Amino acid sequence: MAKGLQKHQARKDALNLLGKDLARRAKSKCETCEASGVSLSIYEVEPVPNEPDYDHCLMICETCKDQLENPKRINVHHWRCAAKGIWSEVPAVQVVSLRQLRSLSTTQDWAADALEHAYIDSDVEAWASSTP
């Protein structure tokens, strides 16, 4: 087996160990859009630490994951949930929401309004502003 494949599999295994705790935190709902009764998967919020970290992971639905991984496919109306996510107690949800709201605020008044009224902790701000 190739070294890269082994590293990838080891990271995947380490992420899967976090799955039960993440599902419990998410209450079996997508942590970004709160969709329930859908398949959820682990999503690591960039920048990804060397070792998988519970606090850098989210349980999200396929719709959210597809749109986060492929920004050209974004459905702006789906991300209205970010206006609520910015107030989440989970910093990773706040970071994803903040990034989406910033991206959408140039064309969507509701996103700009949500940003205007949001309180953003300095640690969340720093994380959201960091580039992978």
C-alpha atoms as a PDB file:
ATOM      1  CA  MET A   1       0.000   0.000   0.000  1.00  0.00           C
ATOM      2  CA  ALA A   2       1.286   3.473  -0.875  1.00  0.00           C
ATOM      3  CA  LYS A   3       2.423   5.795   1.903  1.00  0.00           C
ATOM      4  CA  GLY A   4      -0.082   8.524   0.951  1.00  0.00           C
ATOM      5  CA  LEU A   5      -2.959   6.057   0.941  1.00  0.00           C
ATOM      6  CA  GLN A   6      -1.919   4.761   4.367  1.00  0.00           C
ATOM      7  CA  LYS A   7      -1.818   8.305   5.772  1.00  0.00           C
ATOM      8  CA  HIS A   8      -5.211   9.070   4.254  1.00  0.00           C
ATOM      9  CA  GLN A   9      -6.723   5.890   5.692  1.00  0.00           C
ATOM     10  CA  ALA A  10      -5.193   6.557   9.120  1.00  0.00           C
ATOM     11  CA  ARG A  11      -6.687  10.087   9.142  1.00  0.00           C
ATOM     12  CA  LYS A  12     -10.057   8.727   8.040  1.00  0.00           C
ATOM     13  CA  ASP A  13      -9.952   6.142  10.840  1.00  0.00           C
ATOM     14  CA  ALA A  14      -9.068   8.841  13.396  1.00  0.00           C
ATOM     15  CA  LEU A  15     -11.968  11.005  12.153  1.00  0.00           C
ATOM     16  CA  ASN A  16     -14.360   8.073  12.406  1.00  0.00           C
ATOM     17  CA  LEU A  17     -13.421   7.693  16.075  1.00  0.00           C
ATOM     18  CA  LEU A  18     -14.841  11.208  16.586  1.00  0.00           C
ATOM     19  CA  GLY A  19     -18.085  10.321  14.800  1.00  0.00           C
ATOM     20  CA  LYS A  20     -20.138   9.192  17.786  1.00  0.00           C
ATOM     21  CA  ASP A  21     -19.262  12.281  19.835  1.00  0.00           C
ATOM     22  CA  LEU A  22     -19.915  14.558  16.852  1.00  0.00           C
ATOM     23  CA  ALA A  23     -23.293  12.922  16.189  1.00  0.00           C
ATOM     24  CA  ARG A  24     -24.193  13.375  19.845  1.00  0.00           C
ATOM     25  CA  ARG A  25     -23.223  17.064  19.739  1.00  0.00           C
ATOM     26  CA  ALA A  26     -25.165  17.542  16.505  1.00  0.00           C
ATOM     27  CA  LYS A  27     -28.186  15.692  17.896  1.00  0.00           C
ATOM     28  CA  SER A  28     -28.223  13.746  14.615  1.00  0.00           C
ATOM     29  CA  LYS A  29     -28.946  16.914  12.600  1.00  0.00           C
ATOM     30  CA  CYS A  30     -26.778  18.811  10.150  1.00  0.00           C
ATOM     31  CA  GLU A  31     -24.861  21.304  12.246  1.00  0.00           C
ATOM     32  CA  THR A  32     -25.099  24.011   9.582  1.00  0.00           C
ATOM     33  CA  CYS A  33     -28.636  23.784   8.144  1.00  0.00           C
ATOM     34  CA  GLU A  34     -30.219  21.609  10.854  1.00  0.00           C
ATOM     35  CA  ALA A  35     -31.594  19.109   8.333  1.00  0.00           C
ATOM     36  CA  SER A  36     -32.697  15.946  10.122  1.00  0.00           C
ATOM     37  CA  GLY A  37     -33.406  12.474   8.828  1.00  0.00           C
ATOM     38  CA  VAL A  38     -30.597  12.808   6.277  1.00  0.00           C
ATOM     39  CA  SER A  39     -27.240  11.130   5.937  1.00  0.00           C
ATOM     40  CA  LEU A  40     -24.523  13.048   7.784  1.00  0.00           C
ATOM     41  CA  SER A  41     -20.783  12.960   7.340  1.00  0.00           C
ATOM     42  CA  ILE A  42     -17.798  14.478   9.069  1.00  0.00           C
ATOM     43  CA  TYR A  43     -16.488  17.722   7.602  1.00  0.00           C
ATOM     44  CA  GLU A  44     -13.198  19.248   8.732  1.00  0.00           C
ATOM     45  CA  VAL A  45     -13.182  23.035   8.825  1.00  0.00           C
ATOM     46  CA  GLU A  46     -10.075  24.561   7.224  1.00  0.00           C
ATOM     47  CA  PRO A  47      -7.312  25.026   8.077  1.00  0.00           C
ATOM     48  CA  VAL A  48      -7.152  21.379   9.025  1.00  0.00           C
ATOM     49  CA  PRO A  49      -4.832  20.584  11.952  1.00  0.00           C
ATOM     50  CA  ASN A  50      -2.190  17.857  11.583  1.00  0.00           C
ATOM     51  CA  GLU A  51      -4.196  15.519  13.797  1.00  0.00           C
ATOM     52  CA  PRO A  52      -8.006  15.271  13.532  1.00  0.00           C
ATOM     53  CA  ASP A  53      -9.556  17.550  16.139  1.00  0.00           C
ATOM     54  CA  TYR A  54     -13.113  17.323  17.479  1.00  0.00           C
ATOM     55  CA  ASP A  55     -13.369  21.115  17.617  1.00  0.00           C
ATOM     56  CA  HIS A  56     -12.436  21.444  13.927  1.00  0.00           C
ATOM     57  CA  CYS A  57     -15.077  18.955  12.768  1.00  0.00           C
ATOM     58  CA  LEU A  58     -18.774  19.196  11.960  1.00  0.00           C
ATOM     59  CA  MET A  59     -21.465  16.690  11.134  1.00  0.00           C
ATOM     60  CA  ILE A  60     -23.093  17.998   7.961  1.00  0.00           C
ATOM     61  CA  CYS A  61     -25.542  16.839   5.313  1.00  0.00           C
ATOM     62  CA  GLU A  62     -24.560  16.050   1.738  1.00  0.00           C
ATOM     63  CA  THR A  63     -26.131  19.294   0.466  1.00  0.00           C
ATOM     64  CA  CYS A  64     -23.982  21.453   2.737  1.00  0.00           C
ATOM     65  CA  LYS A  65     -20.872  19.365   2.129  1.00  0.00           C
ATOM     66  CA  ASP A  66     -21.278  19.515  -1.646  1.00  0.00           C
ATOM     67  CA  GLN A  67     -21.730  23.289  -1.581  1.00  0.00           C
ATOM     68  CA  LEU A  68     -18.794  23.870   0.781  1.00  0.00           C
ATOM     69  CA  GLU A  69     -16.516  21.709  -1.333  1.00  0.00           C
ATOM     70  CA  ASN A  70     -17.823  23.142  -4.647  1.00  0.00           C
ATOM     71  CA  PRO A  71     -18.546  26.860  -4.141  1.00  0.00           C
ATOM     72  CA  LYS A  72     -19.679  27.255  -7.760  1.00  0.00           C
ATOM     73  CA  ARG A  73     -22.694  25.049  -6.942  1.00  0.00           C
ATOM     74  CA  ILE A  74     -23.837  27.232  -4.063  1.00  0.00           C
ATOM     75  CA  ASN A  75     -27.555  27.748  -3.531  1.00  0.00           C
ATOM     76  CA  VAL A  76     -27.765  31.117  -1.789  1.00  0.00           C
ATOM     77  CA  HIS A  77     -31.167  30.357  -0.302  1.00  0.00           C
ATOM     78  CA  HIS A  78     -29.893  27.169   1.333  1.00  0.00           C
ATOM     79  CA  TRP A  79     -27.334  29.251   3.244  1.00  0.00           C
ATOM     80  CA  ARG A  80     -29.896  31.463   4.950  1.00  0.00           C
ATOM     81  CA  CYS A  81     -29.211  29.041   7.788  1.00  0.00           C
ATOM     82  CA  ALA A  82     -25.852  30.788   8.242  1.00  0.00           C
ATOM     83  CA  ALA A  83     -27.675  33.765   9.769  1.00  0.00           C
ATOM     84  CA  LYS A  84     -28.634  31.446  12.631  1.00  0.00           C
ATOM     85  CA  GLY A  85     -25.373  29.461  12.578  1.00  0.00           C
ATOM     86  CA  ILE A  86     -23.345  32.578  13.338  1.00  0.00           C
ATOM     87  CA  TRP A  87     -24.892  32.427  16.837  1.00  0.00           C
ATOM     88  CA  SER A  88     -24.055  28.752  17.407  1.00  0.00           C
ATOM     89  CA  GLU A  89     -22.175  27.673  20.518  1.00  0.00           C
ATOM     90  CA  VAL A  90     -19.909  25.557  18.295  1.00  0.00           C
ATOM     91  CA  PRO A  91     -17.001  27.657  16.967  1.00  0.00           C
ATOM     92  CA  ALA A  92     -16.634  25.537  13.813  1.00  0.00           C
ATOM     93  CA  VAL A  93     -20.290  26.260  12.913  1.00  0.00           C
ATOM     94  CA  GLN A  94     -19.656  29.950  13.513  1.00  0.00           C
ATOM     95  CA  VAL A  95     -16.596  29.875  11.241  1.00  0.00           C
ATOM     96  CA  VAL A  96     -18.434  28.151   8.385  1.00  0.00           C
ATOM     97  CA  SER A  97     -21.399  30.508   8.799  1.00  0.00           C
ATOM     98  CA  LEU A  98     -19.181  33.586   8.914  1.00  0.00           C
ATOM     99  CA  ARG A  99     -17.305  32.538   5.779  1.00  0.00           C
ATOM    100  CA  GLN A 100     -20.555  31.858   3.921  1.00  0.00           C
ATOM    101  CA  LEU A 101     -22.157  35.113   5.041  1.00  0.00           C
ATOM    102  CA  ARG A 102     -19.099  37.100   3.971  1.00  0.00           C
ATOM    103  CA  SER A 103     -19.097  35.414   0.609  1.00  0.00           C
ATOM    104  CA  LEU A 104     -22.812  36.013   0.069  1.00  0.00           C
ATOM    105  CA  SER A 105     -22.976  39.527   1.541  1.00  0.00           C
ATOM    106  CA  THR A 106     -21.739  41.101  -1.697  1.00  0.00           C
ATOM    107  CA  THR A 107     -24.912  40.032  -3.517  1.00  0.00           C
ATOM    108  CA  GLN A 108     -27.407  39.158  -0.786  1.00  0.00           C
ATOM    109  CA  ASP A 109     -28.827  41.858   1.484  1.00  0.00           C
ATOM    110  CA  TRP A 110     -29.982  39.323   4.085  1.00  0.00           C
ATOM    111  CA  ALA A 111     -26.373  38.060   4.462  1.00  0.00           C
ATOM    112  CA  ALA A 112     -24.999  41.588   4.876  1.00  0.00           C
ATOM    113  CA  ASP A 113     -27.703  42.301   7.453  1.00  0.00           C
ATOM    114  CA  ALA A 114     -26.868  39.122   9.388  1.00  0.00           C
ATOM    115  CA  LEU A 115     -23.186  40.077   9.450  1.00  0.00           C
ATOM    116  CA  GLU A 116     -24.006  43.580  10.610  1.00  0.00           C
ATOM    117  CA  HIS A 117     -25.900  42.282  13.633  1.00  0.00           C
ATOM    118  CA  ALA A 118     -23.547  39.440  14.567  1.00  0.00           C
ATOM    119  CA  TYR A 119     -21.142  39.467  17.481  1.00  0.00           C
ATOM    120  CA  ILE A 120     -17.995  37.657  16.436  1.00  0.00           C
ATOM    121  CA  ASP A 121     -15.484  36.452  19.004  1.00  0.00           C
ATOM    122  CA  SER A 122     -11.863  37.333  18.174  1.00  0.00           C
ATOM    123  CA  ASP A 123     -10.826  33.654  18.052  1.00  0.00           C
ATOM    124  CA  VAL A 124     -13.627  32.832  15.610  1.00  0.00           C
ATOM    125  CA  GLU A 125     -12.712  35.905  13.555  1.00  0.00           C
ATOM    126  CA  ALA A 126      -9.074  34.818  13.376  1.00  0.00           C
ATOM    127  CA  TRP A 127     -10.015  31.260  12.401  1.00  0.00           C
ATOM    128  CA  ALA A 128     -12.498  32.398   9.748  1.00  0.00           C
ATOM    129  CA  SER A 129      -9.955  34.818   8.286  1.00  0.00           C
ATOM    130  CA  SER A 130      -7.165  32.233   8.124  1.00  0.00           C
ATOM    131  CA  THR A 131      -6.536  30.676   4.769  1.00  0.00           C
ATOM    132  CA  PRO A 132      -5.680  27.025   4.359  1.00  0.00           C
END
